[in-house]
Amino acid sequence: MRYPLYNMNCDDFERMVVMICNHILGQATIPFAKGKDGGKDGKFIGRANCIPSEAQPWDGKIIIQAKHTEKINASCSDSDFSRRLNHEIIPSIKKLKANGDIDFYLLFTNCKLTGIKDSVIEKKIKDETGVPTILVADEKIQDLLGKYPDVVRQAELNRLLLPFEFDESDIESVVVSLAHYVKSTHFHPLEEDVFEYPGLERKNILNKMGQDYFQDVIRISMDDFERIKVFLSEPANNEIAEYYDSAVSELNAKITLSRDQFYGFQYVLEAIYDSVISRYSEELGGNKRLVRTVLHYMYCNCDIGRKS
C-alpha cells in the first residue's frame, strides 16, 4: 500500500513524522509547537532505537525536520527542493550547530528520491555543516509505514485512499484503445483553451477543486480533449464508448456516496488514477498519462462531479 502523502497538509505530515520517530528514535521524541521552528520540527536526546542501525545507533542531540510538498511527483532533484536545501535547511543546521543544539540531523520529505541522490544530499549537508544527516524521502517513509501500521492508524492515512472500489477495467479499455487511435491519427495542434465548459468555474467551486491543480494539471490535459471527443463519437468505437459510459455511471454513483471523505475533487481524481495504475500498470505501459487525461475529460465534460 502506497499512501499519497502529497494529499496531506503540512501539520498532519509533521505529526506523522513524529509518530514514525517514536519508533525509530524512541518514545522520548519531542514535537515542537506550531510556529517558527528554527529549522526543527522535533528533537530526540539520547540513544536512538535503530537510526542509522540497531548495531550503531546515533547517540546525542538528534534534530528532526519535516519538509512537505503538495506537488504530485515532486522529486529531491527538483529545483524547488534544491532551493529549500540551500536557503532554508543548511543555514538552519549551521545555526543549530553554532548554538550547540545538534549532533545529528534527520530530514523527512515526501519528495521522491533516487538511491544515488540521497547520498549526494546527505554528503552535501554534512560537508557544509559538519552534522551527520539521514534523508528519509517518500520511498523510505512508505516502507516505514508498512513496518509500523499503528502510525497509519494514528495518522488516519487511510482517509487519503479511495474510499470505494470500482471496476478499473472499463477505464483501462478506453485508455488502451484511445492510445492506439491517437498514435494512428493525425491531429493539428489545438489552440489554448479550445475546449471549455461554460460553467467550469462554478463547477470547480462546487467540487472544491484545487485552483493550482486545475491550472497546472487539468489545463495541460485539455490539449487532448478534442481527440477524446472525436474518438468516442465515431461509430466504429461504439463499444469503447459504452465502456466509457459504464465507467462514468459507476464512478458518479460511488463518488456521490463518498464525497465528504475528500478535501477536494483533485484528490478524487488522483485516487482513481492511482487505483487504475496500480491495477493495470503492465497493460497500460507508456500510456499512463492518458489515464489522468481521460479522468480530467470526464470532469470537465461534466460526466463526473457535481454540476449544481
C-alpha atoms as a PDB file:
ATOM      1  CA  MET A   1       0.000   0.000   0.000  1.00  0.00           C
ATOM      2  CA  ARG A   2       1.367   3.381  -1.022  1.00  0.00           C
ATOM      3  CA  TYR A   3      -0.093   6.481   0.554  1.00  0.00           C
ATOM      4  CA  PRO A   4      -0.411   9.725  -1.464  1.00  0.00           C
ATOM      5  CA  LEU A   5       1.385  11.863   1.114  1.00  0.00           C
ATOM      6  CA  TYR A   6       1.114  14.918  -1.128  1.00  0.00           C
ATOM      7  CA  ASN A   7      -2.601  14.934  -0.209  1.00  0.00           C
ATOM      8  CA  MET A   8      -1.715  15.707   3.425  1.00  0.00           C
ATOM      9  CA  ASN A   9      -1.293  19.181   4.805  1.00  0.00           C
ATOM     10  CA  CYS A  10       1.985  20.253   6.409  1.00  0.00           C
ATOM     11  CA  ASP A  11       0.753  19.958  10.001  1.00  0.00           C
ATOM     12  CA  ASP A  12      -0.525  16.400   9.534  1.00  0.00           C
ATOM     13  CA  PHE A  13       2.694  15.407   7.775  1.00  0.00           C
ATOM     14  CA  GLU A  14       4.771  16.745  10.680  1.00  0.00           C
ATOM     15  CA  ARG A  15       2.645  14.831  13.195  1.00  0.00           C
ATOM     16  CA  MET A  16       3.074  11.647  11.178  1.00  0.00           C
ATOM     17  CA  VAL A  17       6.861  12.152  11.108  1.00  0.00           C
ATOM     18  CA  VAL A  18       6.953  12.477  14.910  1.00  0.00           C
ATOM     19  CA  MET A  19       4.940   9.238  15.199  1.00  0.00           C
ATOM     20  CA  ILE A  20       7.489   7.466  12.997  1.00  0.00           C
ATOM     21  CA  CYS A  21      10.322   8.894  15.096  1.00  0.00           C
ATOM     22  CA  ASN A  22       8.701   7.445  18.229  1.00  0.00           C
ATOM     23  CA  HIS A  23       9.589   4.080  16.704  1.00  0.00           C
ATOM     24  CA  ILE A  24      12.936   4.634  15.019  1.00  0.00           C
ATOM     25  CA  LEU A  25      14.355   7.002  17.664  1.00  0.00           C
ATOM     26  CA  GLY A  26      12.303   6.395  20.808  1.00  0.00           C
ATOM     27  CA  GLN A  27       9.232   7.433  22.753  1.00  0.00           C
ATOM     28  CA  ALA A  28      11.168  10.406  24.128  1.00  0.00           C
ATOM     29  CA  THR A  29      10.804  12.154  20.762  1.00  0.00           C
ATOM     30  CA  ILE A  30       9.596  15.703  21.443  1.00  0.00           C
ATOM     31  CA  PRO A  31       7.468  17.552  18.852  1.00  0.00           C
ATOM     32  CA  PHE A  32       7.698  21.338  18.689  1.00  0.00           C
ATOM     33  CA  ALA A  33       4.671  23.582  18.805  1.00  0.00           C
ATOM     34  CA  LYS A  34       3.414  25.103  15.573  1.00  0.00           C
ATOM     35  CA  GLY A  35       5.157  28.337  14.653  1.00  0.00           C
ATOM     36  CA  LYS A  36       8.594  29.461  13.589  1.00  0.00           C
ATOM     37  CA  ASP A  37      10.548  26.246  14.059  1.00  0.00           C
ATOM     38  CA  GLY A  38      14.100  27.481  13.585  1.00  0.00           C
ATOM     39  CA  GLY A  39      14.862  24.519  11.356  1.00  0.00           C
ATOM     40  CA  LYS A  40      13.377  21.835  13.580  1.00  0.00           C
ATOM     41  CA  ASP A  41      10.005  20.118  13.954  1.00  0.00           C
ATOM     42  CA  GLY A  42      11.099  17.818  16.754  1.00  0.00           C
ATOM     43  CA  LYS A  43      14.072  16.517  18.704  1.00  0.00           C
ATOM     44  CA  PHE A  44      15.327  13.441  20.462  1.00  0.00           C
ATOM     45  CA  ILE A  45      18.152  13.380  23.000  1.00  0.00           C
ATOM     46  CA  GLY A  46      19.766  10.058  23.806  1.00  0.00           C
ATOM     47  CA  ARG A  47      20.470   6.741  22.134  1.00  0.00           C
ATOM     48  CA  ALA A  48      18.263   6.061  19.090  1.00  0.00           C
ATOM     49  CA  ASN A  49      16.494   2.730  18.628  1.00  0.00           C
ATOM     50  CA  CYS A  50      17.589   1.947  15.091  1.00  0.00           C
ATOM     51  CA  ILE A  51      18.927   5.028  13.287  1.00  0.00           C
ATOM     52  CA  PRO A  52      21.060   4.583  11.289  1.00  0.00           C
ATOM     53  CA  SER A  53      21.056   0.939  12.506  1.00  0.00           C
ATOM     54  CA  GLU A  54      20.411  -1.096  15.643  1.00  0.00           C
ATOM     55  CA  ALA A  55      24.077  -2.065  15.753  1.00  0.00           C
ATOM     56  CA  GLN A  56      25.367   1.518  15.531  1.00  0.00           C
ATOM     57  CA  PRO A  57      22.603   3.925  16.585  1.00  0.00           C
ATOM     58  CA  TRP A  58      23.046   7.644  16.909  1.00  0.00           C
ATOM     59  CA  ASP A  59      23.563   8.848  20.475  1.00  0.00           C
ATOM     60  CA  GLY A  60      23.191  12.549  21.188  1.00  0.00           C
ATOM     61  CA  LYS A  61      21.042  15.514  20.163  1.00  0.00           C
ATOM     62  CA  ILE A  62      19.004  14.494  17.126  1.00  0.00           C
ATOM     63  CA  ILE A  63      17.043  17.217  15.344  1.00  0.00           C
ATOM     64  CA  ILE A  64      14.046  16.224  13.220  1.00  0.00           C
ATOM     65  CA  GLN A  65      12.859  18.301  10.275  1.00  0.00           C
ATOM     66  CA  ALA A  66       9.845  17.628   8.025  1.00  0.00           C
ATOM     67  CA  LYS A  67       9.599  19.212   4.575  1.00  0.00           C
ATOM     68  CA  HIS A  68       6.262  18.580   2.892  1.00  0.00           C
ATOM     69  CA  THR A  69       5.046  19.378  -0.602  1.00  0.00           C
ATOM     70  CA  GLU A  70       1.574  19.099  -2.150  1.00  0.00           C
ATOM     71  CA  LYS A  71       3.141  18.816  -5.600  1.00  0.00           C
ATOM     72  CA  ILE A  72       2.422  15.465  -7.231  1.00  0.00           C
ATOM     73  CA  ASN A  73       5.562  13.521  -8.214  1.00  0.00           C
ATOM     74  CA  ALA A  74       7.839  16.099  -6.595  1.00  0.00           C
ATOM     75  CA  SER A  75      11.459  14.986  -6.516  1.00  0.00           C
ATOM     76  CA  CYS A  76      14.522  15.778  -4.464  1.00  0.00           C
ATOM     77  CA  SER A  77      16.142  16.544  -7.820  1.00  0.00           C
ATOM     78  CA  ASP A  78      13.715  19.418  -8.452  1.00  0.00           C
ATOM     79  CA  SER A  79      14.940  22.996  -8.310  1.00  0.00           C
ATOM     80  CA  ASP A  80      12.411  23.785  -5.571  1.00  0.00           C
ATOM     81  CA  PHE A  81      13.921  21.192  -3.243  1.00  0.00           C
ATOM     82  CA  SER A  82      17.440  22.402  -4.060  1.00  0.00           C
ATOM     83  CA  ARG A  83      16.365  25.928  -3.188  1.00  0.00           C
ATOM     84  CA  ARG A  84      14.955  24.817   0.166  1.00  0.00           C
ATOM     85  CA  LEU A  85      18.115  22.829   0.819  1.00  0.00           C
ATOM     86  CA  ASN A  86      20.466  25.727   0.130  1.00  0.00           C
ATOM     87  CA  HIS A  87      18.429  28.604   1.561  1.00  0.00           C
ATOM     88  CA  GLU A  88      16.467  27.018   4.418  1.00  0.00           C
ATOM     89  CA  ILE A  89      17.812  23.662   5.553  1.00  0.00           C
ATOM     90  CA  ILE A  90      21.577  24.149   5.517  1.00  0.00           C
ATOM     91  CA  PRO A  91      21.508  27.660   7.080  1.00  0.00           C
ATOM     92  CA  SER A  92      19.220  26.371   9.859  1.00  0.00           C
ATOM     93  CA  ILE A  93      21.558  23.468  10.617  1.00  0.00           C
ATOM     94  CA  LYS A  94      24.541  25.812  10.769  1.00  0.00           C
ATOM     95  CA  LYS A  95      22.717  27.980  13.292  1.00  0.00           C
ATOM     96  CA  LEU A  96      21.745  24.969  15.404  1.00  0.00           C
ATOM     97  CA  LYS A  97      25.355  23.763  15.256  1.00  0.00           C
ATOM     98  CA  ALA A  98      26.693  27.154  16.355  1.00  0.00           C
ATOM     99  CA  ASN A  99      24.331  27.093  19.347  1.00  0.00           C
ATOM    100  CA  GLY A 100      25.340  23.581  20.332  1.00  0.00           C
ATOM    101  CA  ASP A 101      21.789  22.286  19.791  1.00  0.00           C
ATOM    102  CA  ILE A 102      22.509  19.490  17.318  1.00  0.00           C
ATOM    103  CA  ASP A 103      24.679  16.394  16.870  1.00  0.00           C
ATOM    104  CA  PHE A 104      22.662  14.607  14.174  1.00  0.00           C
ATOM    105  CA  TYR A 105      20.034  15.651  11.634  1.00  0.00           C
ATOM    106  CA  LEU A 106      17.064  13.618  10.410  1.00  0.00           C
ATOM    107  CA  LEU A 107      15.308  15.144   7.378  1.00  0.00           C
ATOM    108  CA  PHE A 108      11.926  13.816   6.226  1.00  0.00           C
ATOM    109  CA  THR A 109      10.324  14.770   2.916  1.00  0.00           C
ATOM    110  CA  ASN A 110       7.555  13.304   0.786  1.00  0.00           C
ATOM    111  CA  CYS A 111       9.551  14.130  -2.347  1.00  0.00           C
ATOM    112  CA  LYS A 112      10.688  11.132  -4.345  1.00  0.00           C
ATOM    113  CA  LEU A 113      14.364  10.201  -4.273  1.00  0.00           C
ATOM    114  CA  THR A 114      16.739   8.045  -6.276  1.00  0.00           C
ATOM    115  CA  GLY A 115      19.263   5.859  -4.499  1.00  0.00           C
ATOM    116  CA  ILE A 116      22.121   7.916  -5.914  1.00  0.00           C
ATOM    117  CA  LYS A 117      20.694  11.280  -4.958  1.00  0.00           C
ATOM    118  CA  ASP A 118      20.192  10.531  -1.246  1.00  0.00           C
ATOM    119  CA  SER A 119      23.909  10.010  -0.586  1.00  0.00           C
ATOM    120  CA  VAL A 120      24.706  13.177  -2.555  1.00  0.00           C
ATOM    121  CA  ILE A 121      22.319  15.298  -0.484  1.00  0.00           C
ATOM    122  CA  GLU A 122      23.408  13.753   2.820  1.00  0.00           C
ATOM    123  CA  LYS A 123      27.062  14.340   1.930  1.00  0.00           C
ATOM    124  CA  LYS A 124      26.366  17.939   0.912  1.00  0.00           C
ATOM    125  CA  ILE A 125      24.704  18.697   4.245  1.00  0.00           C
ATOM    126  CA  LYS A 126      27.467  17.049   6.259  1.00  0.00           C
ATOM    127  CA  ASP A 127      30.245  18.710   4.242  1.00  0.00           C
ATOM    128  CA  GLU A 128      28.721  22.179   4.697  1.00  0.00           C
ATOM    129  CA  THR A 129      27.576  21.860   8.312  1.00  0.00           C
ATOM    130  CA  GLY A 130      29.647  19.084   9.886  1.00  0.00           C
ATOM    131  CA  VAL A 131      26.426  17.357  11.008  1.00  0.00           C
ATOM    132  CA  PRO A 132      25.783  13.691  10.064  1.00  0.00           C
ATOM    133  CA  THR A 133      22.472  13.574   8.208  1.00  0.00           C
ATOM    134  CA  ILE A 134      19.963  10.972   7.051  1.00  0.00           C
ATOM    135  CA  LEU A 135      17.406  11.878   4.398  1.00  0.00           C
ATOM    136  CA  VAL A 136      14.130   9.954   4.658  1.00  0.00           C
ATOM    137  CA  ALA A 137      12.212  10.571   1.436  1.00  0.00           C
ATOM    138  CA  ASP A 138       8.906   9.204   0.154  1.00  0.00           C
ATOM    139  CA  GLU A 139      10.172   5.718  -0.648  1.00  0.00           C
ATOM    140  CA  LYS A 140      11.624   5.175   2.829  1.00  0.00           C
ATOM    141  CA  ILE A 141       8.575   6.698   4.503  1.00  0.00           C
ATOM    142  CA  GLN A 142       6.316   4.264   2.643  1.00  0.00           C
ATOM    143  CA  ASP A 143       8.491   1.370   3.877  1.00  0.00           C
ATOM    144  CA  LEU A 144       8.302   2.651   7.447  1.00  0.00           C
ATOM    145  CA  LEU A 145       4.521   2.986   7.251  1.00  0.00           C
ATOM    146  CA  GLY A 146       4.345  -0.644   6.178  1.00  0.00           C
ATOM    147  CA  LYS A 147       6.519  -1.596   9.122  1.00  0.00           C
ATOM    148  CA  TYR A 148       4.566   0.472  11.661  1.00  0.00           C
ATOM    149  CA  PRO A 149       0.818   0.110  10.919  1.00  0.00           C
ATOM    150  CA  ASP A 150      -0.053   1.873  14.173  1.00  0.00           C
ATOM    151  CA  VAL A 151       1.306   5.091  12.614  1.00  0.00           C
ATOM    152  CA  VAL A 152      -1.069   4.586   9.683  1.00  0.00           C
ATOM    153  CA  ARG A 153      -3.984   4.275  12.103  1.00  0.00           C
ATOM    154  CA  GLN A 154      -2.976   7.160  14.373  1.00  0.00           C
ATOM    155  CA  ALA A 155      -2.268   9.494  11.453  1.00  0.00           C
ATOM    156  CA  GLU A 156      -5.513   8.388   9.759  1.00  0.00           C
ATOM    157  CA  LEU A 157      -3.708   7.855   6.475  1.00  0.00           C
ATOM    158  CA  ASN A 158      -6.444   5.628   5.079  1.00  0.00           C
ATOM    159  CA  ARG A 159      -8.532   8.761   4.552  1.00  0.00           C
ATOM    160  CA  LEU A 160      -6.068   9.614   1.765  1.00  0.00           C
ATOM    161  CA  LEU A 161      -7.014   6.496  -0.149  1.00  0.00           C
ATOM    162  CA  LEU A 162     -10.005   5.957  -2.380  1.00  0.00           C
ATOM    163  CA  PRO A 163     -12.871   5.050  -0.028  1.00  0.00           C
ATOM    164  CA  PHE A 164     -14.663   2.929  -2.615  1.00  0.00           C
ATOM    165  CA  GLU A 165     -13.995   0.123  -5.065  1.00  0.00           C
ATOM    166  CA  PHE A 166     -14.797   0.280  -8.762  1.00  0.00           C
ATOM    167  CA  ASP A 167     -14.134  -1.677 -11.936  1.00  0.00           C
ATOM    168  CA  GLU A 168     -10.882  -0.241 -13.288  1.00  0.00           C
ATOM    169  CA  SER A 169     -11.110  -2.399 -16.437  1.00  0.00           C
ATOM    170  CA  ASP A 170     -13.548  -0.022 -18.174  1.00  0.00           C
ATOM    171  CA  ILE A 171     -11.119   2.879 -17.917  1.00  0.00           C
ATOM    172  CA  GLU A 172      -8.196   0.670 -18.917  1.00  0.00           C
ATOM    173  CA  SER A 173     -10.068  -0.451 -22.060  1.00  0.00           C
ATOM    174  CA  VAL A 174     -10.862   3.138 -23.007  1.00  0.00           C
ATOM    175  CA  VAL A 175      -7.282   4.315 -22.476  1.00  0.00           C
ATOM    176  CA  VAL A 176      -5.623   1.484 -24.410  1.00  0.00           C
ATOM    177  CA  SER A 177      -7.979   1.934 -27.385  1.00  0.00           C
ATOM    178  CA  LEU A 178      -7.641   5.711 -27.244  1.00  0.00           C
ATOM    179  CA  ALA A 179      -3.832   5.471 -27.183  1.00  0.00           C
ATOM    180  CA  HIS A 180      -3.855   3.376 -30.356  1.00  0.00           C
ATOM    181  CA  TYR A 181      -6.257   5.838 -32.011  1.00  0.00           C
ATOM    182  CA  VAL A 182      -4.178   8.880 -31.100  1.00  0.00           C
ATOM    183  CA  LYS A 183      -0.960   7.288 -32.400  1.00  0.00           C
ATOM    184  CA  SER A 184      -2.545   6.277 -35.696  1.00  0.00           C
ATOM    185  CA  THR A 185      -4.481   9.512 -36.349  1.00  0.00           C
ATOM    186  CA  HIS A 186      -3.021  12.878 -37.291  1.00  0.00           C
ATOM    187  CA  PHE A 187      -4.310  15.910 -35.429  1.00  0.00           C
ATOM    188  CA  HIS A 188      -3.340  19.522 -35.796  1.00  0.00           C
ATOM    189  CA  PRO A 189      -2.206  21.141 -32.534  1.00  0.00           C
ATOM    190  CA  LEU A 190      -5.117  22.784 -30.753  1.00  0.00           C
ATOM    191  CA  GLU A 191      -5.138  26.406 -29.697  1.00  0.00           C
ATOM    192  CA  GLU A 192      -5.094  27.007 -25.952  1.00  0.00           C
ATOM    193  CA  ASP A 193      -8.457  26.739 -24.218  1.00  0.00           C
ATOM    194  CA  VAL A 194     -10.321  25.490 -27.312  1.00  0.00           C
ATOM    195  CA  PHE A 195     -12.174  23.086 -25.037  1.00  0.00           C
ATOM    196  CA  GLU A 196     -14.102  24.988 -22.419  1.00  0.00           C
ATOM    197  CA  TYR A 197     -17.198  24.112 -20.438  1.00  0.00           C
ATOM    198  CA  PRO A 198     -19.110  27.355 -19.815  1.00  0.00           C
ATOM    199  CA  GLY A 199     -19.859  26.552 -16.165  1.00  0.00           C
ATOM    200  CA  LEU A 200     -16.453  25.147 -15.280  1.00  0.00           C
ATOM    201  CA  GLU A 201     -15.512  27.920 -12.850  1.00  0.00           C
ATOM    202  CA  ARG A 202     -18.728  27.325 -10.919  1.00  0.00           C
ATOM    203  CA  LYS A 203     -18.215  23.557 -11.099  1.00  0.00           C
ATOM    204  CA  ASN A 204     -14.737  23.918  -9.572  1.00  0.00           C
ATOM    205  CA  ILE A 205     -16.236  25.780  -6.622  1.00  0.00           C
ATOM    206  CA  LEU A 206     -18.997  23.208  -6.130  1.00  0.00           C
ATOM    207  CA  ASN A 207     -16.481  20.357  -6.169  1.00  0.00           C
ATOM    208  CA  LYS A 208     -13.810  22.187  -4.143  1.00  0.00           C
ATOM    209  CA  MET A 209     -11.371  21.700  -6.981  1.00  0.00           C
ATOM    210  CA  GLY A 210      -7.898  22.995  -6.101  1.00  0.00           C
ATOM    211  CA  GLN A 211      -7.043  26.022  -8.222  1.00  0.00           C
ATOM    212  CA  ASP A 212      -3.381  25.062  -8.625  1.00  0.00           C
ATOM    213  CA  TYR A 213      -4.292  21.528  -9.675  1.00  0.00           C
ATOM    214  CA  PHE A 214      -6.808  22.806 -12.216  1.00  0.00           C
ATOM    215  CA  GLN A 215      -4.426  25.359 -13.737  1.00  0.00           C
ATOM    216  CA  ASP A 216      -1.222  23.303 -13.629  1.00  0.00           C
ATOM    217  CA  VAL A 217      -2.538  19.807 -14.338  1.00  0.00           C
ATOM    218  CA  ILE A 218      -6.011  19.770 -15.868  1.00  0.00           C
ATOM    219  CA  ARG A 219      -5.299  22.668 -18.251  1.00  0.00           C
ATOM    220  CA  ILE A 220      -2.480  20.636 -19.793  1.00  0.00           C
ATOM    221  CA  SER A 221      -4.813  17.685 -20.332  1.00  0.00           C
ATOM    222  CA  MET A 222      -7.222  19.886 -22.289  1.00  0.00           C
ATOM    223  CA  ASP A 223      -4.916  19.688 -25.324  1.00  0.00           C
ATOM    224  CA  ASP A 224      -6.191  16.128 -25.838  1.00  0.00           C
ATOM    225  CA  PHE A 225      -9.887  16.655 -25.079  1.00  0.00           C
ATOM    226  CA  GLU A 226     -10.906  17.118 -28.725  1.00  0.00           C
ATOM    227  CA  ARG A 227      -9.223  13.809 -29.581  1.00  0.00           C
ATOM    228  CA  ILE A 228     -11.217  12.045 -26.887  1.00  0.00           C
ATOM    229  CA  LYS A 229     -14.451  13.680 -28.016  1.00  0.00           C
ATOM    230  CA  VAL A 230     -13.928  12.652 -31.654  1.00  0.00           C
ATOM    231  CA  PHE A 231     -12.833   9.159 -30.681  1.00  0.00           C
ATOM    232  CA  LEU A 232     -15.914   8.476 -28.534  1.00  0.00           C
ATOM    233  CA  SER A 233     -18.290   9.880 -31.174  1.00  0.00           C
ATOM    234  CA  GLU A 234     -17.121   7.660 -34.046  1.00  0.00           C
ATOM    235  CA  PRO A 235     -19.483   4.730 -34.764  1.00  0.00           C
ATOM    236  CA  ALA A 236     -16.571   2.310 -35.016  1.00  0.00           C
ATOM    237  CA  ASN A 237     -15.822   2.995 -31.349  1.00  0.00           C
ATOM    238  CA  ASN A 238     -19.335   2.376 -30.009  1.00  0.00           C
ATOM    239  CA  GLU A 239     -18.177  -0.497 -27.839  1.00  0.00           C
ATOM    240  CA  ILE A 240     -15.434   1.602 -26.246  1.00  0.00           C
ATOM    241  CA  ALA A 241     -17.904   4.454 -25.778  1.00  0.00           C
ATOM    242  CA  GLU A 242     -20.079   2.025 -23.822  1.00  0.00           C
ATOM    243  CA  TYR A 243     -17.105   1.207 -21.581  1.00  0.00           C
ATOM    244  CA  TYR A 244     -16.653   4.945 -21.059  1.00  0.00           C
ATOM    245  CA  ASP A 245     -20.337   5.436 -20.182  1.00  0.00           C
ATOM    246  CA  SER A 246     -20.191   2.445 -17.825  1.00  0.00           C
ATOM    247  CA  ALA A 247     -17.171   3.906 -16.007  1.00  0.00           C
ATOM    248  CA  VAL A 248     -18.869   7.306 -15.749  1.00  0.00           C
ATOM    249  CA  SER A 249     -22.050   5.800 -14.334  1.00  0.00           C
ATOM    250  CA  GLU A 250     -20.210   3.739 -11.720  1.00  0.00           C
ATOM    251  CA  LEU A 251     -17.817   6.499 -10.683  1.00  0.00           C
ATOM    252  CA  ASN A 252     -20.583   9.064 -10.382  1.00  0.00           C
ATOM    253  CA  ALA A 253     -22.548   6.846  -8.007  1.00  0.00           C
ATOM    254  CA  LYS A 254     -19.527   5.939  -5.868  1.00  0.00           C
ATOM    255  CA  ILE A 255     -18.195   9.499  -5.730  1.00  0.00           C
ATOM    256  CA  THR A 256     -21.576  10.864  -4.677  1.00  0.00           C
ATOM    257  CA  LEU A 257     -21.709   8.468  -1.732  1.00  0.00           C
ATOM    258  CA  SER A 258     -18.115   9.228  -0.655  1.00  0.00           C
ATOM    259  CA  ARG A 259     -17.868  12.938  -1.482  1.00  0.00           C
ATOM    260  CA  ASP A 260     -17.437  14.104   2.123  1.00  0.00           C
ATOM    261  CA  GLN A 261     -14.349  11.930   2.618  1.00  0.00           C
ATOM    262  CA  PHE A 262     -12.235  14.087   0.289  1.00  0.00           C
ATOM    263  CA  TYR A 263     -10.790  17.565   0.836  1.00  0.00           C
ATOM    264  CA  GLY A 264     -11.255  18.468  -2.827  1.00  0.00           C
ATOM    265  CA  PHE A 265     -12.096  16.840  -6.148  1.00  0.00           C
ATOM    266  CA  GLN A 266      -8.467  16.761  -7.264  1.00  0.00           C
ATOM    267  CA  TYR A 267      -7.947  14.083  -4.621  1.00  0.00           C
ATOM    268  CA  VAL A 268     -10.846  12.064  -6.043  1.00  0.00           C
ATOM    269  CA  LEU A 269      -9.255  12.166  -9.500  1.00  0.00           C
ATOM    270  CA  GLU A 270      -5.792  11.271  -8.255  1.00  0.00           C
ATOM    271  CA  ALA A 271      -7.092   8.426  -6.086  1.00  0.00           C
ATOM    272  CA  ILE A 272      -8.933   6.952  -9.087  1.00  0.00           C
ATOM    273  CA  TYR A 273      -5.785   7.395 -11.186  1.00  0.00           C
ATOM    274  CA  ASP A 274      -3.647   5.616  -8.588  1.00  0.00           C
ATOM    275  CA  SER A 275      -6.140   2.756  -8.425  1.00  0.00           C
ATOM    276  CA  VAL A 276      -6.164   2.245 -12.214  1.00  0.00           C
ATOM    277  CA  ILE A 277      -2.371   2.471 -12.491  1.00  0.00           C
ATOM    278  CA  SER A 278      -1.876   0.047  -9.626  1.00  0.00           C
ATOM    279  CA  ARG A 279      -4.249  -2.483 -11.200  1.00  0.00           C
ATOM    280  CA  TYR A 280      -3.166  -2.187 -14.854  1.00  0.00           C
ATOM    281  CA  SER A 281       0.391  -0.851 -14.806  1.00  0.00           C
ATOM    282  CA  GLU A 282       1.748  -3.508 -17.176  1.00  0.00           C
ATOM    283  CA  GLU A 283      -1.171  -3.321 -19.626  1.00  0.00           C
ATOM    284  CA  LEU A 284      -1.026   0.472 -19.820  1.00  0.00           C
ATOM    285  CA  GLY A 285       2.709   0.586 -20.405  1.00  0.00           C
ATOM    286  CA  GLY A 286       3.673   4.048 -21.639  1.00  0.00           C
ATOM    287  CA  ASN A 287       0.066   5.258 -21.787  1.00  0.00           C
ATOM    288  CA  LYS A 288      -0.377   6.042 -18.086  1.00  0.00           C
ATOM    289  CA  ARG A 289      -0.612   9.780 -18.777  1.00  0.00           C
ATOM    290  CA  LEU A 290      -3.788   9.164 -20.764  1.00  0.00           C
ATOM    291  CA  VAL A 291      -5.487   7.718 -17.679  1.00  0.00           C
ATOM    292  CA  ARG A 292      -5.276  11.086 -15.979  1.00  0.00           C
ATOM    293  CA  THR A 293      -6.296  12.854 -19.201  1.00  0.00           C
ATOM    294  CA  VAL A 294      -9.453  10.733 -19.563  1.00  0.00           C
ATOM    295  CA  LEU A 295     -10.396  11.412 -15.940  1.00  0.00           C
ATOM    296  CA  HIS A 296      -9.895  15.132 -16.479  1.00  0.00           C
ATOM    297  CA  TYR A 297     -12.086  14.941 -19.574  1.00  0.00           C
ATOM    298  CA  MET A 298     -14.817  13.213 -17.559  1.00  0.00           C
ATOM    299  CA  TYR A 299     -14.680  16.019 -15.027  1.00  0.00           C
ATOM    300  CA  CYS A 300     -14.562  18.952 -17.454  1.00  0.00           C
ATOM    301  CA  ASN A 301     -17.205  17.388 -19.684  1.00  0.00           C
ATOM    302  CA  CYS A 302     -19.417  17.256 -16.591  1.00  0.00           C
ATOM    303  CA  ASP A 303     -19.656  13.466 -16.733  1.00  0.00           C
ATOM    304  CA  ILE A 304     -18.489  13.157 -13.117  1.00  0.00           C
ATOM    305  CA  GLY A 305     -18.635  15.579 -10.220  1.00  0.00           C
ATOM    306  CA  ARG A 306     -21.324  17.982  -9.037  1.00  0.00           C
ATOM    307  CA  LYS A 307     -22.891  20.217 -11.669  1.00  0.00           C
ATOM    308  CA  SER A 308     -25.166  22.293  -9.464  1.00  0.00           C
END
